[in-house]
PDB file of N, CA and C in Angstrom:
ATOM      1  N   MET A   1       0.839  -1.176   0.000  1.00  0.00           N
ATOM      2  CA  MET A   1       0.000   0.000   0.000  1.00  0.00           C
ATOM      3  C   MET A   1       0.879   1.231   0.000  1.00  0.00           C
ATOM      4  N   ALA A   2       0.645   2.136  -0.916  1.00  0.00           N
ATOM      5  CA  ALA A   2       1.426   3.367  -1.002  1.00  0.00           C
ATOM      6  C   ALA A   2       0.871   4.391  -0.029  1.00  0.00           C
ATOM      7  N   VAL A   3       1.761   5.134   0.577  1.00  0.00           N
ATOM      8  CA  VAL A   3       1.352   6.197   1.491  1.00  0.00           C
ATOM      9  C   VAL A   3       1.489   7.509   0.751  1.00  0.00           C
ATOM     10  N   THR A   4       0.408   8.245   0.658  1.00  0.00           N
ATOM     11  CA  THR A   4       0.431   9.529  -0.031  1.00  0.00           C
ATOM     12  C   THR A   4       0.931  10.605   0.908  1.00  0.00           C
ATOM     13  N   ASP A   5       1.231  11.779   0.349  1.00  0.00           N
ATOM     14  CA  ASP A   5       1.639  12.906   1.201  1.00  0.00           C
ATOM     15  C   ASP A   5       0.547  13.240   2.204  1.00  0.00           C
ATOM     16  N   ALA A   6      -0.704  13.151   1.782  1.00  0.00           N
ATOM     17  CA  ALA A   6      -1.817  13.421   2.706  1.00  0.00           C
ATOM     18  C   ALA A   6      -1.826  12.393   3.830  1.00  0.00           C
ATOM     19  N   GLY A   7      -1.537  11.125   3.482  1.00  0.00           N
ATOM     20  CA  GLY A   7      -1.478  10.083   4.497  1.00  0.00           C
ATOM     21  C   GLY A   7      -0.355  10.312   5.472  1.00  0.00           C
ATOM     22  N   ARG A   8       0.786  10.743   4.972  1.00  0.00           N
ATOM     23  CA  ARG A   8       1.914  11.054   5.853  1.00  0.00           C
ATOM     24  C   ARG A   8       1.551  12.187   6.797  1.00  0.00           C
ATOM     25  N   SER A   9       0.898  13.212   6.259  1.00  0.00           N
ATOM     26  CA  SER A   9       0.510  14.344   7.101  1.00  0.00           C
ATOM     27  C   SER A   9      -0.441  13.901   8.200  1.00  0.00           C
ATOM     28  N   ALA A  10      -1.363  13.008   7.859  1.00  0.00           N
ATOM     29  CA  ALA A  10      -2.314  12.531   8.856  1.00  0.00           C
ATOM     30  C   ALA A  10      -1.613  11.716   9.928  1.00  0.00           C
ATOM     31  N   ILE A  11      -0.600  10.950   9.531  1.00  0.00           N
ATOM     32  CA  ILE A  11       0.104  10.097  10.485  1.00  0.00           C
ATOM     33  C   ILE A  11       1.003  10.908  11.408  1.00  0.00           C
ATOM     34  N   THR A  12       1.705  11.882  10.849  1.00  0.00           N
ATOM     35  CA  THR A  12       2.727  12.574  11.634  1.00  0.00           C
ATOM     36  C   THR A  12       2.377  14.015  11.979  1.00  0.00           C
ATOM     37  N   GLY A  13       1.352  14.561  11.343  1.00  0.00           N
ATOM     38  CA  GLY A  13       1.000  15.934  11.648  1.00  0.00           C
ATOM     39  C   GLY A  13       1.609  16.927  10.676  1.00  0.00           C
ATOM     40  N   GLY A  14       2.299  16.469   9.634  1.00  0.00           N
ATOM     41  CA  GLY A  14       2.848  17.395   8.644  1.00  0.00           C
ATOM     42  C   GLY A  14       3.839  16.715   7.730  1.00  0.00           C
ATOM     43  N   GLY A  15       3.809  17.073   6.444  1.00  0.00           N
ATOM     44  CA  GLY A  15       4.702  16.471   5.461  1.00  0.00           C
ATOM     45  C   GLY A  15       6.164  16.735   5.753  1.00  0.00           C
ATOM     46  N   ASP A  16       6.518  17.968   6.152  1.00  0.00           N
ATOM     47  CA  ASP A  16       7.913  18.274   6.452  1.00  0.00           C
ATOM     48  C   ASP A  16       8.411  17.458   7.633  1.00  0.00           C
ATOM     49  N   LYS A  17       7.591  17.291   8.626  1.00  0.00           N
ATOM     50  CA  LYS A  17       7.953  16.525   9.802  1.00  0.00           C
ATOM     51  C   LYS A  17       8.236  15.070   9.416  1.00  0.00           C
ATOM     52  N   TRP A  18       7.418  14.513   8.492  1.00  0.00           N
ATOM     53  CA  TRP A  18       7.610  13.136   8.053  1.00  0.00           C
ATOM     54  C   TRP A  18       8.946  12.984   7.371  1.00  0.00           C
ATOM     55  N   SER A  19       9.277  13.860   6.449  1.00  0.00           N
ATOM     56  CA  SER A  19      10.531  13.712   5.714  1.00  0.00           C
ATOM     57  C   SER A  19      11.726  13.928   6.639  1.00  0.00           C
ATOM     58  N   HIS A  20      11.626  14.827   7.588  1.00  0.00           N
ATOM     59  CA  HIS A  20      12.700  15.038   8.564  1.00  0.00           C
ATOM     60  C   HIS A  20      12.889  13.771   9.404  1.00  0.00           C
ATOM     61  N   GLY A  21      11.790  13.222   9.898  1.00  0.00           N
ATOM     62  CA  GLY A  21      11.851  12.006  10.696  1.00  0.00           C
ATOM     63  C   GLY A  21      12.356  10.827   9.890  1.00  0.00           C
ATOM     64  N   GLN A  22      11.930  10.737   8.639  1.00  0.00           N
ATOM     65  CA  GLN A  22      12.375   9.637   7.785  1.00  0.00           C
ATOM     66  C   GLN A  22      13.878   9.736   7.528  1.00  0.00           C
ATOM     67  N   ARG A  23      14.386  10.943   7.340  1.00  0.00           N
ATOM     68  CA  ARG A  23      15.837  11.130   7.154  1.00  0.00           C
ATOM     69  C   ARG A  23      16.599  10.674   8.392  1.00  0.00           C
ATOM     70  N   ILE A  24      16.082  10.979   9.558  1.00  0.00           N
ATOM     71  CA  ILE A  24      16.744  10.568  10.797  1.00  0.00           C
ATOM     72  C   ILE A  24      16.726   9.046  10.930  1.00  0.00           C
ATOM     73  N   VAL A  25      15.598   8.425  10.639  1.00  0.00           N
ATOM     74  CA  VAL A  25      15.501   6.959  10.711  1.00  0.00           C
ATOM     75  C   VAL A  25      16.479   6.318   9.725  1.00  0.00           C
ATOM     76  N   GLU A  26      16.545   6.847   8.520  1.00  0.00           N
ATOM     77  CA  GLU A  26      17.475   6.292   7.522  1.00  0.00           C
ATOM     78  C   GLU A  26      18.929   6.482   7.963  1.00  0.00           C
ATOM     79  N   SER A  27      19.246   7.604   8.565  1.00  0.00           N
ATOM     80  CA  SER A  27      20.601   7.829   9.089  1.00  0.00           C
ATOM     81  C   SER A  27      20.931   6.825  10.183  1.00  0.00           C
ATOM     82  N   ALA A  28      19.965   6.567  11.050  1.00  0.00           N
ATOM     83  CA  ALA A  28      20.170   5.599  12.137  1.00  0.00           C
ATOM     84  C   ALA A  28      20.361   4.195  11.579  1.00  0.00           C
ATOM     85  N   ARG A  29      19.557   3.836  10.600  1.00  0.00           N
ATOM     86  CA  ARG A  29      19.686   2.502   9.995  1.00  0.00           C
ATOM     87  C   ARG A  29      21.042   2.338   9.313  1.00  0.00           C
ATOM     88  N   ARG A  30      21.486   3.380   8.618  1.00  0.00           N
ATOM     89  CA  ARG A  30      22.807   3.321   7.977  1.00  0.00           C
ATOM     90  C   ARG A  30      23.918   3.192   9.004  1.00  0.00           C
ATOM     91  N   ALA A  31      23.804   3.929  10.100  1.00  0.00           N
ATOM     92  CA  ALA A  31      24.824   3.871  11.153  1.00  0.00           C
ATOM     93  C   ALA A  31      24.908   2.465  11.744  1.00  0.00           C
ATOM     94  N   LEU A  32      23.770   1.846  11.974  1.00  0.00           N
ATOM     95  CA  LEU A  32      23.753   0.495  12.530  1.00  0.00           C
ATOM     96  C   LEU A  32      24.215  -0.537  11.494  1.00  0.00           C
ATOM     97  N   ALA A  33      23.828  -0.350  10.252  1.00  0.00           N
ATOM     98  CA  ALA A  33      24.212  -1.290   9.190  1.00  0.00           C
ATOM     99  C   ALA A  33      25.703  -1.252   8.905  1.00  0.00           C
ATOM    100  N   SER A  34      26.336  -0.120   9.177  1.00  0.00           N
ATOM    101  CA  SER A  34      27.775   0.010   8.908  1.00  0.00           C
ATOM    102  C   SER A  34      28.629  -0.686   9.965  1.00  0.00           C
ATOM    103  N   SER A  35      28.001  -1.138  11.037  1.00  0.00           N
ATOM    104  CA  SER A  35      28.724  -1.829  12.100  1.00  0.00           C
ATOM    105  C   SER A  35      29.177  -3.210  11.635  1.00  0.00           C
ATOM    106  N   SER A  36      30.298  -3.643  12.157  1.00  0.00           N
ATOM    107  CA  SER A  36      30.756  -5.003  11.870  1.00  0.00           C
ATOM    108  C   SER A  36      29.990  -6.023  12.711  1.00  0.00           C
ATOM    109  N   ARG A  37      29.184  -5.553  13.637  1.00  0.00           N
ATOM    110  CA  ARG A  37      28.382  -6.426  14.512  1.00  0.00           C
ATOM    111  C   ARG A  37      27.046  -6.714  13.842  1.00  0.00           C
ATOM    112  N   ARG A  38      26.860  -7.927  13.345  1.00  0.00           N
ATOM    113  CA  ARG A  38      25.675  -8.259  12.552  1.00  0.00           C
ATOM    114  C   ARG A  38      24.368  -8.092  13.317  1.00  0.00           C
ATOM    115  N   PHE A  39      24.385  -8.259  14.636  1.00  0.00           N
ATOM    116  CA  PHE A  39      23.154  -8.114  15.411  1.00  0.00           C
ATOM    117  C   PHE A  39      22.616  -6.687  15.350  1.00  0.00           C
ATOM    118  N   LEU A  40      23.475  -5.707  15.188  1.00  0.00           N
ATOM    119  CA  LEU A  40      23.022  -4.317  15.134  1.00  0.00           C
ATOM    120  C   LEU A  40      22.265  -4.021  13.849  1.00  0.00           C
ATOM    121  N   ARG A  41      22.496  -4.813  12.827  1.00  0.00           N
ATOM    122  CA  ARG A  41      21.812  -4.605  11.544  1.00  0.00           C
ATOM    123  C   ARG A  41      20.338  -4.976  11.624  1.00  0.00           C
ATOM    124  N   CYS A  42      19.937  -5.662  12.685  1.00  0.00           N
ATOM    125  CA  CYS A  42      18.547  -6.094  12.847  1.00  0.00           C
ATOM    126  C   CYS A  42      17.762  -5.202  13.810  1.00  0.00           C
ATOM    127  N   VAL A  43      18.384  -4.148  14.307  1.00  0.00           N
ATOM    128  CA  VAL A  43      17.712  -3.242  15.237  1.00  0.00           C
ATOM    129  C   VAL A  43      16.764  -2.337  14.457  1.00  0.00           C
ATOM    130  N   ASP A  44      15.547  -2.218  14.932  1.00  0.00           N
ATOM    131  CA  ASP A  44      14.534  -1.377  14.300  1.00  0.00           C
ATOM    132  C   ASP A  44      14.618   0.026  14.887  1.00  0.00           C
ATOM    133  N   CYS A  45      14.391   1.027  14.050  1.00  0.00           N
ATOM    134  CA  CYS A  45      14.475   2.428  14.474  1.00  0.00           C
ATOM    135  C   CYS A  45      13.170   3.150  14.149  1.00  0.00           C
ATOM    136  N   ARG A  46      12.707   3.967  15.092  1.00  0.00           N
ATOM    137  CA  ARG A  46      11.550   4.841  14.883  1.00  0.00           C
ATOM    138  C   ARG A  46      11.900   6.213  15.450  1.00  0.00           C
ATOM    139  N   TYR A  47      11.314   7.254  14.881  1.00  0.00           N
ATOM    140  CA  TYR A  47      11.602   8.616  15.334  1.00  0.00           C
ATOM    141  C   TYR A  47      10.302   9.395  15.463  1.00  0.00           C
ATOM    142  N   ARG A  48      10.215  10.159  16.542  1.00  0.00           N
ATOM    143  CA  ARG A  48       9.070  11.058  16.721  1.00  0.00           C
ATOM    144  C   ARG A  48       9.444  12.155  17.705  1.00  0.00           C
ATOM    145  N   ASP A  49       9.241  13.377  17.297  1.00  0.00           N
ATOM    146  CA  ASP A  49       9.409  14.556  18.165  1.00  0.00           C
ATOM    147  C   ASP A  49      10.743  14.575  18.907  1.00  0.00           C
ATOM    148  N   GLY A  50      11.834  14.309  18.201  1.00  0.00           N
ATOM    149  CA  GLY A  50      13.162  14.379  18.793  1.00  0.00           C
ATOM    150  C   GLY A  50      13.642  13.110  19.467  1.00  0.00           C
ATOM    151  N   VAL A  51      12.756  12.102  19.564  1.00  0.00           N
ATOM    152  CA  VAL A  51      13.102  10.861  20.252  1.00  0.00           C
ATOM    153  C   VAL A  51      13.294   9.743  19.228  1.00  0.00           C
ATOM    154  N   LEU A  52      14.474   9.152  19.227  1.00  0.00           N
ATOM    155  CA  LEU A  52      14.770   7.996  18.392  1.00  0.00           C
ATOM    156  C   LEU A  52      14.617   6.759  19.262  1.00  0.00           C
ATOM    157  N   THR A  53      13.745   5.842  18.849  1.00  0.00           N
ATOM    158  CA  THR A  53      13.495   4.620  19.597  1.00  0.00           C
ATOM    159  C   THR A  53      14.163   3.451  18.895  1.00  0.00           C
ATOM    160  N   LEU A  54      14.914   2.676  19.652  1.00  0.00           N
ATOM    161  CA  LEU A  54      15.577   1.478  19.146  1.00  0.00           C
ATOM    162  C   LEU A  54      14.866   0.255  19.709  1.00  0.00           C
ATOM    163  N   ASP A  55      14.524  -0.693  18.834  1.00  0.00           N
ATOM    164  CA  ASP A  55      13.860  -1.937  19.234  1.00  0.00           C
ATOM    165  C   ASP A  55      14.584  -3.116  18.602  1.00  0.00           C
ATOM    166  N   GLY A  56      14.577  -4.234  19.276  1.00  0.00           N
ATOM    167  CA  GLY A  56      15.158  -5.448  18.724  1.00  0.00           C
ATOM    168  C   GLY A  56      15.693  -6.334  19.826  1.00  0.00           C
ATOM    169  N   ARG A  57      16.472  -7.322  19.419  1.00  0.00           N
ATOM    170  CA  ARG A  57      17.059  -8.276  20.371  1.00  0.00           C
ATOM    171  C   ARG A  57      18.531  -8.451  20.038  1.00  0.00           C
ATOM    172  N   VAL A  58      19.354  -8.426  21.059  1.00  0.00           N
ATOM    173  CA  VAL A  58      20.797  -8.670  20.920  1.00  0.00           C
ATOM    174  C   VAL A  58      21.225  -9.605  22.059  1.00  0.00           C
ATOM    175  N   PRO A  59      22.349 -10.320  21.875  1.00  0.00           N
ATOM    176  CA  PRO A  59      22.745 -11.298  22.896  1.00  0.00           C
ATOM    177  C   PRO A  59      23.520 -10.731  24.082  1.00  0.00           C
ATOM    178  N   THR A  60      23.965  -9.472  24.032  1.00  0.00           N
ATOM    179  CA  THR A  60      24.746  -8.925  25.149  1.00  0.00           C
ATOM    180  C   THR A  60      24.369  -7.474  25.448  1.00  0.00           C
ATOM    181  N   TYR A  61      24.613  -7.073  26.683  1.00  0.00           N
ATOM    182  CA  TYR A  61      24.390  -5.680  27.074  1.00  0.00           C
ATOM    183  C   TYR A  61      25.369  -4.754  26.354  1.00  0.00           C
ATOM    184  N   TYR A  62      26.543  -5.263  26.044  1.00  0.00           N
ATOM    185  CA  TYR A  62      27.525  -4.474  25.294  1.00  0.00           C
ATOM    186  C   TYR A  62      26.948  -4.068  23.934  1.00  0.00           C
ATOM    187  N   LEU A  63      26.311  -4.999  23.230  1.00  0.00           N
ATOM    188  CA  LEU A  63      25.733  -4.693  21.920  1.00  0.00           C
ATOM    189  C   LEU A  63      24.552  -3.734  22.045  1.00  0.00           C
ATOM    190  N   LYS A  64      23.802  -3.849  23.125  1.00  0.00           N
ATOM    191  CA  LYS A  64      22.703  -2.906  23.363  1.00  0.00           C
ATOM    192  C   LYS A  64      23.260  -1.492  23.489  1.00  0.00           C
ATOM    193  N   GLN A  65      24.310  -1.332  24.250  1.00  0.00           N
ATOM    194  CA  GLN A  65      24.940  -0.032  24.432  1.00  0.00           C
ATOM    195  C   GLN A  65      25.603   0.443  23.139  1.00  0.00           C
ATOM    196  N   LEU A  66      26.224  -0.480  22.416  1.00  0.00           N
ATOM    197  CA  LEU A  66      26.892  -0.132  21.163  1.00  0.00           C
ATOM    198  C   LEU A  66      25.892   0.418  20.143  1.00  0.00           C
ATOM    199  N   ALA A  67      24.721  -0.158  20.079  1.00  0.00           N
ATOM    200  CA  ALA A  67      23.678   0.333  19.167  1.00  0.00           C
ATOM    201  C   ALA A  67      23.347   1.786  19.495  1.00  0.00           C
ATOM    202  N   GLN A  68      23.204   2.078  20.753  1.00  0.00           N
ATOM    203  CA  GLN A  68      22.889   3.439  21.183  1.00  0.00           C
ATOM    204  C   GLN A  68      24.028   4.393  20.835  1.00  0.00           C
ATOM    205  N   THR A  69      25.247   3.957  21.022  1.00  0.00           N
ATOM    206  CA  THR A  69      26.416   4.780  20.708  1.00  0.00           C
ATOM    207  C   THR A  69      26.479   5.093  19.219  1.00  0.00           C
ATOM    208  N   HIS A  70      26.135   4.137  18.379  1.00  0.00           N
ATOM    209  CA  HIS A  70      26.190   4.329  16.928  1.00  0.00           C
ATOM    210  C   HIS A  70      25.233   5.418  16.436  1.00  0.00           C
ATOM    211  N   VAL A  71      24.122   5.626  17.122  1.00  0.00           N
ATOM    212  CA  VAL A  71      23.128   6.595  16.657  1.00  0.00           C
ATOM    213  C   VAL A  71      23.107   7.882  17.473  1.00  0.00           C
ATOM    214  N   ALA A  72      23.948   7.969  18.475  1.00  0.00           N
ATOM    215  CA  ALA A  72      23.907   9.095  19.418  1.00  0.00           C
ATOM    216  C   ALA A  72      24.224  10.453  18.793  1.00  0.00           C
ATOM    217  N   ARG A  73      24.982  10.480  17.732  1.00  0.00           N
ATOM    218  CA  ARG A  73      25.416  11.772  17.171  1.00  0.00           C
ATOM    219  C   ARG A  73      24.610  12.217  15.957  1.00  0.00           C
ATOM    220  N   ILE A  74      23.476  11.621  15.728  1.00  0.00           N
ATOM    221  CA  ILE A  74      22.658  11.995  14.578  1.00  0.00           C
ATOM    222  C   ILE A  74      21.962  13.321  14.870  1.00  0.00           C
ATOM    223  N   ASP A  75      22.122  14.272  13.947  1.00  0.00           N
ATOM    224  CA  ASP A  75      21.487  15.586  14.104  1.00  0.00           C
ATOM    225  C   ASP A  75      19.970  15.427  14.166  1.00  0.00           C
ATOM    226  N   GLY A  76      19.353  16.132  15.094  1.00  0.00           N
ATOM    227  CA  GLY A  76      17.910  16.107  15.243  1.00  0.00           C
ATOM    228  C   GLY A  76      17.423  15.169  16.329  1.00  0.00           C
ATOM    229  N   VAL A  77      18.316  14.313  16.838  1.00  0.00           N
ATOM    230  CA  VAL A  77      17.935  13.384  17.905  1.00  0.00           C
ATOM    231  C   VAL A  77      18.285  14.021  19.240  1.00  0.00           C
ATOM    232  N   SER A  78      17.272  14.303  20.041  1.00  0.00           N
ATOM    233  CA  SER A  78      17.529  14.900  21.351  1.00  0.00           C
ATOM    234  C   SER A  78      17.504  13.853  22.461  1.00  0.00           C
ATOM    235  N   GLU A  79      16.900  12.697  22.160  1.00  0.00           N
ATOM    236  CA  GLU A  79      16.808  11.632  23.161  1.00  0.00           C
ATOM    237  C   GLU A  79      16.772  10.282  22.453  1.00  0.00           C
ATOM    238  N   ILE A  80      17.346   9.270  23.081  1.00  0.00           N
ATOM    239  CA  ILE A  80      17.286   7.911  22.555  1.00  0.00           C
ATOM    240  C   ILE A  80      16.569   7.042  23.570  1.00  0.00           C
ATOM    241  N   GLU A  81      15.536   6.374  23.110  1.00  0.00           N
ATOM    242  CA  GLU A  81      14.820   5.422  23.953  1.00  0.00           C
ATOM    243  C   GLU A  81      15.269   4.028  23.513  1.00  0.00           C
ATOM    244  N   ASN A  82      16.083   3.403  24.331  1.00  0.00           N
ATOM    245  CA  ASN A  82      16.667   2.118  23.970  1.00  0.00           C
ATOM    246  C   ASN A  82      15.802   0.989  24.524  1.00  0.00           C
ATOM    247  N   ARG A  83      14.972   0.413  23.653  1.00  0.00           N
ATOM    248  CA  ARG A  83      14.077  -0.685  24.039  1.00  0.00           C
ATOM    249  C   ARG A  83      14.623  -2.038  23.595  1.00  0.00           C
ATOM    250  N   ILE A  84      15.898  -2.081  23.248  1.00  0.00           N
ATOM    251  CA  ILE A  84      16.509  -3.329  22.822  1.00  0.00           C
ATOM    252  C   ILE A  84      16.518  -4.304  23.997  1.00  0.00           C
ATOM    253  N   VAL A  85      16.123  -5.547  23.733  1.00  0.00           N
ATOM    254  CA  VAL A  85      16.071  -6.587  24.748  1.00  0.00           C
ATOM    255  C   VAL A  85      17.319  -7.462  24.617  1.00  0.00           C
ATOM    256  N   VAL A  86      17.957  -7.729  25.736  1.00  0.00           N
ATOM    257  CA  VAL A  86      19.128  -8.614  25.752  1.00  0.00           C
ATOM    258  C   VAL A  86      18.631 -10.030  25.991  1.00  0.00           C
ATOM    259  N   THR A  87      18.999 -10.929  25.073  1.00  0.00           N
ATOM    260  CA  THR A  87      18.583 -12.321  25.178  1.00  0.00           C
ATOM    261  C   THR A  87      19.809 -13.219  25.310  1.00  0.00           C
ATOM    262  N   SER A  88      19.596 -14.401  25.804  1.00  0.00           N
ATOM    263  CA  SER A  88      20.673 -15.380  25.890  1.00  0.00           C
ATOM    264  C   SER A  88      20.900 -15.992  24.505  1.00  0.00           C
ATOM    265  N   ALA A  89      21.862 -16.850  24.390  1.00  0.00           N
ATOM    266  CA  ALA A  89      22.176 -17.494  23.108  1.00  0.00           C
ATOM    267  C   ALA A  89      21.005 -18.306  22.572  1.00  0.00           C
ATOM    268  N   ILE A  90      20.107 -18.753  23.445  1.00  0.00           N
ATOM    269  CA  ILE A  90      18.964 -19.539  22.982  1.00  0.00           C
ATOM    270  C   ILE A  90      17.701 -18.706  22.867  1.00  0.00           C
ATOM    271  N   GLY A  91      17.831 -17.379  22.976  1.00  0.00           N
ATOM    272  CA  GLY A  91      16.714 -16.504  22.743  1.00  0.00           C
ATOM    273  C   GLY A  91      15.895 -16.106  23.947  1.00  0.00           C
ATOM    274  N   ARG A  92      16.272 -16.556  25.116  1.00  0.00           N
ATOM    275  CA  ARG A  92      15.540 -16.162  26.334  1.00  0.00           C
ATOM    276  C   ARG A  92      16.034 -14.812  26.811  1.00  0.00           C
ATOM    277  N   VAL A  93      15.128 -14.049  27.411  1.00  0.00           N
ATOM    278  CA  VAL A  93      15.486 -12.739  27.957  1.00  0.00           C
ATOM    279  C   VAL A  93      16.469 -12.941  29.096  1.00  0.00           C
ATOM    280  N   ALA A  94      17.580 -12.197  29.034  1.00  0.00           N
ATOM    281  CA  ALA A  94      18.625 -12.335  30.053  1.00  0.00           C
ATOM    282  C   ALA A  94      18.247 -11.611  31.331  1.00  0.00           C
TER     283      ALA A  94
END
């Protein structure tokens, strides 16, 4: 389903806000994808009103922190909400 400019405005409250937020999300995804740590490439990113939210699962607290560090310097992000869950090697929450 294609999202029109009108649909974007309805979702985010304005077309300019959507494109600004989308640029930030794409910057965050690129920053995580450029990591040599493959688990960071699976972290989901969302942005709204200055807050970048990270979601996903990683096997260590170090990788959770590393994901946050990779996106910390993106212009327009005033806060990072790190919702990444640390799981054991078999997928259980640590």
